[in-house]
N, C-alpha and C. Protein backbone atom coordinates (compact mmCIF):
# COMPACT_ATOMS: atom_id res chain seq x y z
N MET A 1 -18.81 29.65 69.31
CA MET A 1 -18.55 30.96 69.91
C MET A 1 -19.26 32.06 69.13
N ALA A 2 -19.17 32.02 67.81
CA ALA A 2 -19.84 33.03 66.98
C ALA A 2 -21.35 32.98 67.19
N GLN A 3 -21.88 31.77 67.38
CA GLN A 3 -23.32 31.61 67.59
C GLN A 3 -23.76 32.33 68.87
N ILE A 4 -22.94 32.24 69.91
CA ILE A 4 -23.27 32.90 71.19
C ILE A 4 -23.33 34.40 70.97
N PHE A 5 -22.35 34.94 70.25
CA PHE A 5 -22.34 36.37 69.99
C PHE A 5 -23.57 36.80 69.20
N GLN A 6 -23.97 35.98 68.23
CA GLN A 6 -25.16 36.31 67.43
C GLN A 6 -26.40 36.33 68.32
N ASN A 7 -26.49 35.37 69.25
CA ASN A 7 -27.64 35.32 70.15
C ASN A 7 -27.67 36.54 71.05
N ILE A 8 -26.51 36.91 71.60
CA ILE A 8 -26.44 38.08 72.47
C ILE A 8 -26.82 39.33 71.69
N ARG A 9 -26.30 39.44 70.49
CA ARG A 9 -26.56 40.63 69.67
C ARG A 9 -28.06 40.74 69.37
N SER A 10 -28.70 39.64 69.02
CA SER A 10 -30.14 39.69 68.72
C SER A 10 -30.93 40.01 69.98
N ASP A 11 -30.49 39.52 71.14
CA ASP A 11 -31.16 39.86 72.40
C ASP A 11 -31.06 41.36 72.66
N ILE A 12 -29.87 41.92 72.43
CA ILE A 12 -29.67 43.36 72.64
C ILE A 12 -30.56 44.15 71.70
N TRP A 13 -30.62 43.74 70.43
CA TRP A 13 -31.47 44.47 69.47
C TRP A 13 -32.93 44.39 69.87
N ASN A 14 -33.36 43.24 70.43
CA ASN A 14 -34.75 43.10 70.89
C ASN A 14 -35.03 44.08 72.01
N VAL A 15 -34.08 44.21 72.95
CA VAL A 15 -34.26 45.13 74.08
C VAL A 15 -34.31 46.56 73.56
N ILE A 16 -33.39 46.91 72.64
CA ILE A 16 -33.37 48.27 72.08
C ILE A 16 -34.69 48.55 71.36
N GLY A 17 -35.18 47.58 70.61
CA GLY A 17 -36.44 47.75 69.88
C GLY A 17 -37.60 47.98 70.84
N ASP A 18 -37.63 47.21 71.93
CA ASP A 18 -38.70 47.37 72.92
C ASP A 18 -38.64 48.76 73.54
N GLU A 19 -37.42 49.21 73.88
CA GLU A 19 -37.28 50.51 74.54
C GLU A 19 -37.69 51.63 73.60
N SER A 20 -37.29 51.56 72.33
CA SER A 20 -37.64 52.63 71.40
C SER A 20 -39.15 52.66 71.17
N ARG A 21 -39.80 51.49 71.23
CA ARG A 21 -41.25 51.45 71.10
C ARG A 21 -41.91 52.10 72.31
N LEU A 22 -41.37 51.82 73.51
CA LEU A 22 -41.91 52.43 74.73
C LEU A 22 -41.74 53.94 74.67
N VAL A 23 -40.58 54.40 74.24
CA VAL A 23 -40.33 55.84 74.12
C VAL A 23 -41.29 56.45 73.12
N GLY A 24 -41.53 55.76 72.02
CA GLY A 24 -42.46 56.25 71.01
C GLY A 24 -43.87 56.38 71.57
N LYS A 25 -44.29 55.40 72.36
CA LYS A 25 -45.62 55.46 72.98
C LYS A 25 -45.69 56.63 73.95
N LEU A 26 -44.61 56.83 74.70
CA LEU A 26 -44.56 57.92 75.67
C LEU A 26 -44.72 59.26 74.96
N PHE A 27 -43.95 59.45 73.88
CA PHE A 27 -44.03 60.71 73.14
C PHE A 27 -45.42 60.90 72.53
N ALA A 28 -46.03 59.82 72.08
CA ALA A 28 -47.37 59.91 71.51
C ALA A 28 -48.37 60.39 72.57
N LYS A 29 -48.23 59.87 73.79
CA LYS A 29 -49.12 60.29 74.87
C LYS A 29 -48.91 61.76 75.19
N ILE A 30 -47.66 62.19 75.25
CA ILE A 30 -47.35 63.59 75.55
C ILE A 30 -47.92 64.49 74.46
N GLU A 31 -47.77 64.09 73.22
CA GLU A 31 -48.29 64.89 72.11
C GLU A 31 -49.81 65.00 72.18
N GLN A 32 -50.47 63.91 72.55
CA GLN A 32 -51.93 63.94 72.69
C GLN A 32 -52.34 64.94 73.76
N LYS A 33 -51.64 64.92 74.89
CA LYS A 33 -51.99 65.82 76.00
C LYS A 33 -51.74 67.27 75.62
N THR A 34 -50.61 67.56 75.00
CA THR A 34 -50.30 68.94 74.64
C THR A 34 -51.19 69.41 73.49
N GLY A 35 -51.59 68.49 72.62
CA GLY A 35 -52.45 68.86 71.50
C GLY A 35 -53.85 69.24 71.95
N LYS A 36 -54.33 68.59 73.01
CA LYS A 36 -55.70 68.86 73.49
C LYS A 36 -55.79 70.22 74.15
N SER A 37 -54.77 70.59 74.93
CA SER A 37 -54.83 71.83 75.70
C SER A 37 -54.65 73.05 74.82
């Protein structure tokens, strides 16, 4: 049972990590656009 929870938790952290990376890329693109103008 504990193993299942560990697997779920690591899956959730992977999803959170992916989303924060996507958000970071998005902000980087926005900064590039605003910096050029």
